[in-house]
Amino acid sequence: MAITDVAAYAHLTEADIEALGRELDLIRRDIEDRRGTRDANYIRRTIAFQRALDVAARLTIALSRNRTGWILGAVGLAVAKSVENMEIGHNVGHGQWDWMNDPEIHSGTWEWDMAGLSSQWRYSHNYRHHVFTNVLGMDDDIGFGVMRVTRDQRWRPYMALQPLQNLVLAATFEWGIAIHGLDAERARATTRPEKIVQAKALIRKVARQAGKDYLLFPVLSGRRWRRTLTANLTANMLRNVWAYLVIFCGHFPDGAEKFTAAAVERETKAEWYLRQMLGTANFDAGPVLAFLSGNLCYQIEHHLFPDLPSNRYAEIAVRVRALCDKYDLPYTSGSLLRQYLLVMRTIHKLALPDRFLTATSDDAPETASERKFLGSDTIAAVTVARWSGRHGLRTALRAAAARAATMKLSAT
């Protein structure tokens, strides 16, 4: 089962958690006090770069006469769309730049270059996902309604096809996000007319988006319309796969824990911080990869401070990692390939019914709870660690792993 008692799972006292919360509040205040011209220039340069790349890519597609030009144009357009979606649209939609009071770069006015409607996404993502991160029955992003990513989700026969569903979702990710946002808004609507309004709003956005990529630009290309159409289709698919990869590697590898609804009852701000740290994962990235991912390689930092400027996440990450060391908490990160392989293992494994799985629902890599620490050896190891000044989840996980290895060895 998922985690019900976050403090017990983290092996931290109430005082520890409140102290951690205060230190994270200090980080927030420090960044808020220091943001200014440097940050404003960053987002404006990013927007200018993205628009220039978009124009250059489309001109390359339209004017080049060979396959190399088509490939360069399609890839360039895919990069431009990725930057617009993640480093600009996603982060602007979080309100990271609202403090600038620039109506063109504001969460309430920016409409991104993808099928989904920004306003619908903001409710499903900013509220339901970020407030209730990985809480079963409250966060619809757990598997996006089509994937089983935790044993807390009951297996159903159609899930045997989820390795194939996973490929389809990757290629059509923008459409999945569009439907996901609409479903959230329709669930929030209280009357049928309100639901119809939301559906019509999405239809209008889809018509504009599809019309631009699959009608307007091909028509402007004249006799070469097929070349432009296939390039736009390719660019959108590449962007979809990249966005899917970034999002899945931040939410579904080992170490990104899930929680029951009871875990958020009477949750304090400090406990919310802790749940974000336990429920998300990073992947290692240099400056270029970080930029192309919308700085969502720092998913832990993003979930702690979703409305702080994304260009600050690298420096925030240094301080968050230091806090993890101080409070003996894991800082879940790894290479992009490693994190994705862990996600693939979970998706393919959980396509099977539980009777074919070996680990228990309390002690599986993708599904853990505080009950995994009930063994006396683990408790003893954590107690010794407390005497030596180390007293958190990282020590407990090592003790539990050592206990499991010992039991496996003795069984053979």
Protein backbone atom coordinates (compact mmCIF):
# COMPACT_ATOMS: atom_id res chain seq x y z
CA MET A 1 0.00 0.00 0.00
CA ALA A 2 1.03 3.63 -0.38
CA ILE A 3 2.46 5.76 2.41
CA THR A 4 -0.08 6.80 5.03
CA ASP A 5 2.21 8.27 7.70
CA VAL A 6 4.81 10.42 5.93
CA ALA A 7 6.72 11.24 9.13
CA ALA A 8 7.01 7.57 10.05
CA TYR A 9 8.18 6.67 6.56
CA ALA A 10 10.76 9.47 6.58
CA HIS A 11 11.92 8.52 10.10
CA LEU A 12 11.73 12.15 11.16
CA THR A 13 10.17 13.64 14.26
CA GLU A 14 7.62 16.43 14.13
CA ALA A 15 10.36 18.83 15.25
CA ASP A 16 12.65 17.60 12.46
CA ILE A 17 9.97 18.18 9.83
CA GLU A 18 9.09 21.66 11.06
CA ALA A 19 12.79 22.59 11.12
CA LEU A 20 13.15 21.30 7.55
CA GLY A 21 10.15 23.38 6.54
CA ARG A 22 11.66 26.53 8.03
CA GLU A 23 14.89 25.99 6.12
CA LEU A 24 12.98 25.53 2.86
CA ASP A 25 11.00 28.70 3.60
CA LEU A 26 14.32 30.52 3.94
CA ILE A 27 15.37 29.32 0.50
CA ARG A 28 12.09 30.60 -0.97
CA ARG A 29 12.44 34.01 0.65
CA ASP A 30 16.05 34.32 -0.45
CA ILE A 31 15.21 33.62 -4.11
CA GLU A 32 12.19 35.94 -4.01
CA ASP A 33 14.32 38.72 -2.56
CA ARG A 34 17.03 38.30 -5.22
CA ARG A 35 14.96 37.78 -8.37
CA GLY A 36 14.96 40.75 -10.68
CA THR A 37 16.56 42.00 -13.89
CA ARG A 38 18.68 38.87 -14.38
CA ASP A 39 15.60 36.66 -14.30
CA ALA A 40 13.46 38.95 -16.45
CA ASN A 41 16.21 39.09 -19.07
CA TYR A 42 16.47 35.30 -19.01
CA ILE A 43 12.82 34.66 -19.87
CA ARG A 44 12.74 37.41 -22.50
CA ARG A 45 15.89 36.03 -24.16
CA THR A 46 14.39 32.54 -24.04
CA ILE A 47 11.21 33.70 -25.76
CA ALA A 48 13.21 35.57 -28.41
CA PHE A 49 15.42 32.52 -29.03
CA GLN A 50 12.44 30.19 -29.29
CA ARG A 51 10.62 32.40 -31.78
CA ALA A 52 13.74 32.90 -33.90
CA LEU A 53 14.37 29.15 -33.95
CA ASP A 54 10.75 28.49 -34.92
CA VAL A 55 10.96 30.90 -37.86
CA ALA A 56 14.36 29.58 -38.97
CA ALA A 57 13.15 25.97 -38.82
CA ARG A 58 10.02 26.70 -40.85
CA LEU A 59 11.99 28.62 -43.47
CA THR A 60 14.47 25.74 -43.70
CA ILE A 61 11.62 23.29 -44.27
CA ALA A 62 10.00 25.51 -46.90
CA LEU A 63 13.08 26.63 -48.82
CA SER A 64 15.50 23.71 -48.70
CA ARG A 65 15.47 21.26 -51.58
CA ASN A 66 17.01 18.14 -50.07
CA ARG A 67 16.39 15.63 -47.32
CA THR A 68 19.09 17.12 -45.09
CA GLY A 69 17.29 20.46 -45.06
CA TRP A 70 14.01 18.73 -44.24
CA ILE A 71 15.60 16.84 -41.32
CA LEU A 72 17.29 19.97 -39.95
CA GLY A 73 14.05 21.93 -40.25
CA ALA A 74 11.91 19.25 -38.59
CA VAL A 75 14.37 18.75 -35.72
CA GLY A 76 14.78 22.51 -35.27
CA LEU A 77 11.02 22.93 -35.16
CA ALA A 78 10.74 20.10 -32.61
CA VAL A 79 13.33 21.84 -30.40
CA ALA A 80 11.50 25.15 -30.73
CA LYS A 81 8.22 23.52 -29.75
CA SER A 82 9.88 21.74 -26.81
CA VAL A 83 11.36 24.98 -25.49
CA GLU A 84 8.02 26.74 -25.89
CA ASN A 85 6.10 24.00 -24.11
CA MET A 86 8.44 23.34 -21.19
CA GLU A 87 10.80 26.21 -20.47
CA ILE A 88 8.24 28.85 -21.45
CA GLY A 89 4.62 27.62 -21.48
CA HIS A 90 4.83 25.23 -18.53
CA ASN A 91 6.78 27.63 -16.34
CA VAL A 92 4.85 30.74 -17.31
CA GLY A 93 1.67 28.76 -16.58
CA HIS A 94 2.95 28.16 -13.06
CA GLY A 95 3.16 31.90 -12.47
CA GLN A 96 6.96 31.91 -12.30
CA TRP A 97 7.10 35.26 -14.07
CA ASP A 98 3.89 36.89 -12.80
CA TRP A 99 5.97 39.10 -10.47
CA MET A 100 7.20 40.98 -13.58
CA ASN A 101 3.66 42.31 -14.19
CA ASP A 102 4.20 41.84 -17.92
CA PRO A 103 0.82 40.97 -19.50
CA GLU A 104 2.57 39.10 -22.32
CA ILE A 105 4.44 36.79 -19.94
CA HIS A 106 1.74 36.04 -17.40
CA SER A 107 0.09 32.80 -16.30
CA GLY A 108 -3.35 34.18 -17.07
CA THR A 109 -2.64 35.18 -20.66
CA TRP A 110 -0.05 32.78 -22.14
CA GLU A 111 -1.49 30.19 -24.52
CA TRP A 112 1.02 27.55 -25.46
CA ASP A 113 1.81 25.90 -28.78
CA MET A 114 0.15 22.54 -28.25
CA ALA A 115 -3.31 20.97 -28.46
CA GLY A 116 -4.29 21.43 -24.83
CA LEU A 117 -5.89 24.58 -23.46
CA SER A 118 -3.64 26.38 -20.96
CA SER A 119 -6.49 27.29 -18.61
CA GLN A 120 -7.67 23.68 -18.36
CA TRP A 121 -4.13 22.43 -17.84
CA ARG A 122 -3.51 24.93 -15.04
CA TYR A 123 -6.32 23.44 -12.94
CA SER A 124 -5.40 19.79 -13.50
CA HIS A 125 -1.68 20.44 -13.14
CA ASN A 126 -1.09 23.41 -10.84
CA TYR A 127 -3.82 22.44 -8.40
CA ARG A 128 -4.67 18.76 -8.54
CA HIS A 129 -1.15 17.54 -9.33
CA HIS A 130 1.06 19.99 -7.46
CA VAL A 131 -1.05 20.32 -4.32
CA PHE A 132 -1.86 16.60 -4.05
CA THR A 133 1.28 15.18 -5.64
CA ASN A 134 1.10 11.37 -5.92
CA VAL A 135 -1.90 11.12 -3.59
CA LEU A 136 -4.04 8.24 -4.78
CA GLY A 137 -7.52 9.31 -5.83
CA MET A 138 -6.57 12.99 -5.75
CA ASP A 139 -3.68 13.37 -8.19
CA ASP A 140 -4.90 12.37 -11.66
CA ASP A 141 -1.33 12.45 -12.98
CA ILE A 142 -0.59 9.07 -11.39
CA GLY A 143 -0.44 7.11 -14.62
CA PHE A 144 -2.61 9.75 -16.37
CA GLY A 145 -5.56 7.39 -16.16
CA VAL A 146 -4.10 4.90 -18.67
CA MET A 147 -0.98 3.51 -16.98
CA ARG A 148 -0.59 1.40 -13.85
CA VAL A 149 2.50 2.75 -12.09
CA THR A 150 1.86 1.56 -8.53
CA ARG A 151 0.47 -1.63 -7.03
CA ASP A 152 -2.08 0.52 -5.24
CA GLN A 153 -3.86 0.71 -8.60
CA ARG A 154 -5.98 -2.39 -9.06
CA TRP A 155 -4.92 -4.51 -12.04
CA ARG A 156 -7.47 -4.83 -14.83
CA PRO A 157 -7.23 -6.96 -17.99
CA TYR A 158 -6.67 -4.01 -20.34
CA MET A 159 -3.50 -3.16 -18.41
CA ALA A 160 -1.79 -6.14 -20.02
CA LEU A 161 -1.52 -3.86 -23.06
CA GLN A 162 0.09 -0.97 -21.23
CA PRO A 163 3.55 -1.44 -22.81
CA LEU A 164 1.82 -0.69 -26.13
CA GLN A 165 -0.31 2.06 -24.54
CA ASN A 166 2.90 3.60 -23.28
CA LEU A 167 4.27 3.93 -26.81
CA VAL A 168 1.03 5.44 -28.08
CA LEU A 169 0.95 7.91 -25.18
CA ALA A 170 4.53 9.00 -25.86
CA ALA A 171 3.81 9.74 -29.53
CA THR A 172 0.53 11.57 -28.81
CA PHE A 173 1.41 13.15 -25.46
CA GLU A 174 0.02 16.60 -26.25
CA TRP A 175 -3.38 15.07 -27.02
CA GLY A 176 -3.28 13.06 -23.80
CA ILE A 177 -2.56 16.25 -21.85
CA ALA A 178 -5.41 18.04 -23.66
CA ILE A 179 -7.94 15.33 -22.77
CA HIS A 180 -6.53 15.11 -19.25
CA GLY A 181 -7.08 18.83 -18.69
CA LEU A 182 -10.59 18.70 -20.12
CA ASP A 183 -11.53 15.74 -17.91
CA ALA A 184 -10.37 17.64 -14.83
CA GLU A 185 -12.36 20.74 -15.74
CA ARG A 186 -15.48 18.71 -16.60
CA ALA A 187 -15.19 16.93 -13.25
CA ARG A 188 -15.01 20.33 -11.53
CA ALA A 189 -18.01 21.70 -13.44
CA THR A 190 -21.28 21.34 -11.56
CA THR A 191 -23.75 21.59 -14.46
CA ARG A 192 -24.02 20.12 -17.93
CA PRO A 193 -23.88 23.56 -19.61
CA GLU A 194 -20.58 24.23 -17.83
CA LYS A 195 -19.20 20.92 -19.07
CA ILE A 196 -20.27 21.78 -22.62
CA VAL A 197 -18.55 25.18 -22.38
CA GLN A 198 -15.29 23.49 -21.40
CA ALA A 199 -15.56 20.97 -24.25
CA LYS A 200 -16.24 23.71 -26.81
CA ALA A 201 -13.28 25.73 -25.52
CA LEU A 202 -10.95 22.79 -26.11
CA ILE A 203 -12.43 22.11 -29.55
CA ARG A 204 -11.73 25.72 -30.55
CA LYS A 205 -8.13 25.44 -29.33
CA VAL A 206 -7.59 22.14 -31.15
CA ALA A 207 -9.02 23.66 -34.34
CA ARG A 208 -6.62 26.63 -34.12
CA GLN A 209 -3.63 24.44 -33.33
CA ALA A 210 -4.32 21.80 -35.98
CA GLY A 211 -5.24 24.48 -38.49
CA LYS A 212 -1.91 26.24 -38.01
CA ASP A 213 0.34 23.17 -38.27
CA TYR A 214 -1.62 20.99 -40.67
CA LEU A 215 -3.44 23.49 -42.90
CA LEU A 216 -2.06 27.03 -42.85
CA PHE A 217 1.67 26.30 -43.17
CA PRO A 218 1.22 23.49 -45.72
CA VAL A 219 -1.01 25.76 -47.83
CA LEU A 220 1.58 28.56 -47.67
CA SER A 221 4.13 26.06 -49.00
CA GLY A 222 2.24 25.67 -52.27
CA ARG A 223 3.22 22.63 -54.26
CA ARG A 224 5.56 21.52 -51.50
CA TRP A 225 2.74 21.19 -48.99
CA ARG A 226 3.44 17.51 -48.35
CA ARG A 227 6.99 18.34 -47.27
CA THR A 228 5.75 20.94 -44.78
CA LEU A 229 2.93 18.74 -43.51
CA THR A 230 5.20 15.74 -42.81
CA ALA A 231 7.81 17.99 -41.18
CA ASN A 232 5.17 19.49 -38.85
CA LEU A 233 3.85 16.03 -38.00
CA THR A 234 7.37 14.83 -37.26
CA ALA A 235 8.23 17.88 -35.15
CA ASN A 236 5.08 17.48 -33.07
CA MET A 237 5.75 13.80 -32.51
CA LEU A 238 9.37 14.43 -31.48
CA ARG A 239 8.21 17.17 -29.10
CA ASN A 240 5.57 14.83 -27.66
CA VAL A 241 8.10 12.05 -27.04
CA TRP A 242 10.54 14.44 -25.39
CA ALA A 243 7.89 15.99 -23.11
CA TYR A 244 6.66 12.51 -22.17
CA LEU A 245 10.21 11.39 -21.38
CA VAL A 246 10.92 14.38 -19.13
CA ILE A 247 7.63 14.09 -17.24
CA PHE A 248 7.76 10.33 -16.71
CA CYS A 249 11.40 10.42 -15.53
CA GLY A 250 10.45 13.00 -12.90
CA HIS A 251 7.46 11.15 -11.50
CA PHE A 252 7.61 7.38 -11.97
CA PRO A 253 11.14 6.04 -11.36
CA ASP A 254 12.04 4.19 -8.15
CA GLY A 255 12.03 6.56 -5.17
CA ALA A 256 9.10 8.70 -6.34
CA GLU A 257 6.68 7.53 -3.66
CA LYS A 258 2.88 7.42 -3.59
CA PHE A 259 0.58 8.40 -0.73
CA THR A 260 -2.89 7.64 0.58
CA ALA A 261 -5.50 10.36 1.10
CA ALA A 262 -5.01 9.95 4.86
CA ALA A 263 -1.45 11.25 4.46
CA VAL A 264 -2.68 14.75 3.60
CA GLU A 265 -5.30 15.09 6.31
CA ARG A 266 -4.33 18.08 8.46
CA GLU A 267 -1.06 18.32 6.53
CA THR A 268 1.17 21.25 7.54
CA LYS A 269 3.22 23.25 5.07
CA ALA A 270 6.40 21.56 6.30
CA GLU A 271 4.81 18.14 5.80
CA TRP A 272 3.75 19.21 2.30
CA TYR A 273 7.36 20.10 1.56
CA LEU A 274 8.49 16.68 2.76
CA ARG A 275 5.89 14.89 0.66
CA GLN A 276 7.07 16.76 -2.44
CA MET A 277 10.66 15.70 -1.74
CA LEU A 278 9.62 12.06 -1.35
CA GLY A 279 7.19 11.99 -4.27
CA THR A 280 9.40 13.32 -7.07
CA ALA A 281 12.72 12.50 -8.74
CA ASN A 282 15.39 14.35 -10.71
CA PHE A 283 17.59 13.33 -13.58
CA ASP A 284 21.17 14.51 -14.00
CA ALA A 285 21.62 17.24 -16.61
CA GLY A 286 24.07 19.88 -17.70
CA PRO A 287 22.98 23.40 -18.72
CA VAL A 288 21.87 22.47 -22.26
CA LEU A 289 19.84 19.41 -21.24
CA ALA A 290 18.36 21.36 -18.33
CA PHE A 291 17.25 24.13 -20.68
CA LEU A 292 15.74 21.71 -23.18
CA SER A 293 13.79 20.01 -20.38
CA GLY A 294 12.40 23.30 -19.08
CA ASN A 295 14.65 22.79 -16.05
CA LEU A 296 12.32 19.93 -15.11
CA CYS A 297 15.38 17.77 -14.61
CA TYR A 298 15.08 19.52 -11.21
CA GLN A 299 11.66 18.03 -10.55
CA ILE A 300 12.23 17.94 -6.77
CA GLU A 301 13.02 21.65 -6.68
CA HIS A 302 10.16 22.41 -9.06
CA HIS A 303 7.66 20.66 -6.81
CA LEU A 304 9.00 22.44 -3.74
CA PHE A 305 8.89 25.87 -5.42
CA PRO A 306 6.71 25.60 -8.57
CA ASP A 307 6.29 29.38 -8.87
CA LEU A 308 9.95 30.38 -8.55
CA PRO A 309 11.85 31.15 -11.79
CA SER A 310 13.10 27.97 -13.45
CA ASN A 311 16.54 29.46 -14.15
CA ARG A 312 17.08 29.44 -10.36
CA TYR A 313 16.50 25.71 -9.90
CA ALA A 314 20.16 24.75 -10.39
CA GLU A 315 21.29 26.92 -7.46
CA ILE A 316 18.28 25.86 -5.39
CA ALA A 317 19.19 22.21 -6.03
CA VAL A 318 22.56 22.65 -4.32
CA ARG A 319 20.84 23.85 -1.16
CA VAL A 320 18.10 21.21 -1.27
CA ARG A 321 20.67 18.44 -1.66
CA ALA A 322 22.51 19.83 1.37
CA LEU A 323 19.28 19.71 3.39
CA CYS A 324 18.78 16.09 2.33
CA ASP A 325 22.24 15.32 3.70
CA LYS A 326 21.50 17.20 6.91
CA TYR A 327 18.19 15.42 7.55
CA ASP A 328 19.40 12.06 6.21
CA LEU A 329 16.86 12.02 3.40
CA PRO A 330 17.40 10.49 -0.06
CA TYR A 331 17.87 12.89 -2.95
CA THR A 332 16.44 10.80 -5.76
CA SER A 333 18.35 11.41 -8.97
CA GLY A 334 20.18 9.54 -11.73
CA SER A 335 21.04 9.75 -15.39
CA LEU A 336 18.17 10.28 -17.81
CA LEU A 337 18.69 6.81 -19.25
CA ARG A 338 18.72 5.16 -15.82
CA GLN A 339 15.55 6.92 -14.69
CA TYR A 340 13.76 6.01 -17.90
CA LEU A 341 14.79 2.37 -17.68
CA LEU A 342 13.39 2.25 -14.13
CA VAL A 343 10.13 3.71 -15.42
CA MET A 344 10.01 1.13 -18.22
CA ARG A 345 10.59 -1.67 -15.73
CA THR A 346 7.64 -0.47 -13.67
CA ILE A 347 5.34 -0.09 -16.67
CA HIS A 348 6.14 -3.53 -18.09
CA LYS A 349 6.10 -5.25 -14.70
CA LEU A 350 2.80 -3.79 -13.57
CA ALA A 351 1.15 -4.83 -16.82
CA LEU A 352 0.99 -8.22 -15.10
CA PRO A 353 -1.51 -9.23 -12.39
CA ASP A 354 -0.20 -9.07 -8.82
CA ARG A 355 -0.01 -12.84 -8.54
CA PHE A 356 2.91 -12.82 -10.99
CA LEU A 357 4.85 -10.22 -8.99
CA THR A 358 7.30 -11.09 -6.23
CA ALA A 359 7.86 -8.15 -3.87
CA THR A 360 5.06 -7.17 -1.51
CA SER A 361 2.96 -4.07 -2.03
CA ASP A 362 4.74 -2.46 0.93
CA ASP A 363 8.28 -3.16 -0.23
CA ALA A 364 8.38 -2.99 -4.03
CA PRO A 365 10.69 -0.53 -5.83
CA GLU A 366 7.72 1.35 -7.28
CA THR A 367 5.34 0.97 -4.32
CA ALA A 368 6.49 1.33 -0.73
CA SER A 369 5.03 2.27 2.64
CA GLU A 370 6.13 2.76 6.22
CA ARG A 371 5.31 -0.90 6.83
CA LYS A 372 8.49 -1.94 5.02
CA PHE A 373 10.41 -0.90 8.14
CA LEU A 374 8.62 -3.21 10.58
CA GLY A 375 11.52 -5.66 10.77
CA SER A 376 13.37 -5.64 14.08
CA ASP A 377 16.76 -5.53 12.32
CA THR A 378 15.79 -2.38 10.50
CA ILE A 379 14.49 -0.71 13.65
CA ALA A 380 17.69 -1.63 15.51
CA ALA A 381 19.87 -0.22 12.73
CA VAL A 382 17.94 3.05 12.71
CA THR A 383 18.20 3.28 16.49
CA VAL A 384 21.98 2.91 16.32
CA ALA A 385 22.05 5.53 13.59
CA ARG A 386 20.15 7.96 15.80
CA TRP A 387 22.83 7.61 18.47
CA SER A 388 25.48 8.47 15.89
CA GLY A 389 23.57 11.57 14.74
CA ARG A 390 22.04 10.10 11.56
CA HIS A 391 18.37 9.49 11.92
CA GLY A 392 16.42 9.75 8.66
CA LEU A 393 15.01 7.80 5.78
CA ARG A 394 18.31 7.28 3.97
CA THR A 395 19.72 5.26 6.87
CA ALA A 396 16.45 3.36 7.24
CA LEU A 397 16.43 2.41 3.56
CA ARG A 398 19.99 1.13 3.78
CA ALA A 399 19.12 -0.89 6.87
CA ALA A 400 16.04 -2.35 5.19
CA ALA A 401 18.05 -3.26 2.09
CA ALA A 402 20.71 -4.94 4.20
CA ARG A 403 18.05 -6.88 6.10
CA ALA A 404 16.44 -8.01 2.84
CA ALA A 405 19.79 -9.12 1.45
CA THR A 406 20.54 -11.08 4.61
CA MET A 407 17.16 -12.83 4.51
CA LYS A 408 17.63 -13.69 0.85
CA LEU A 409 21.09 -15.09 1.56
CA SER A 410 19.87 -17.17 4.48
CA ALA A 411 17.01 -18.51 2.36
CA THR A 412 19.50 -19.89 -0.18
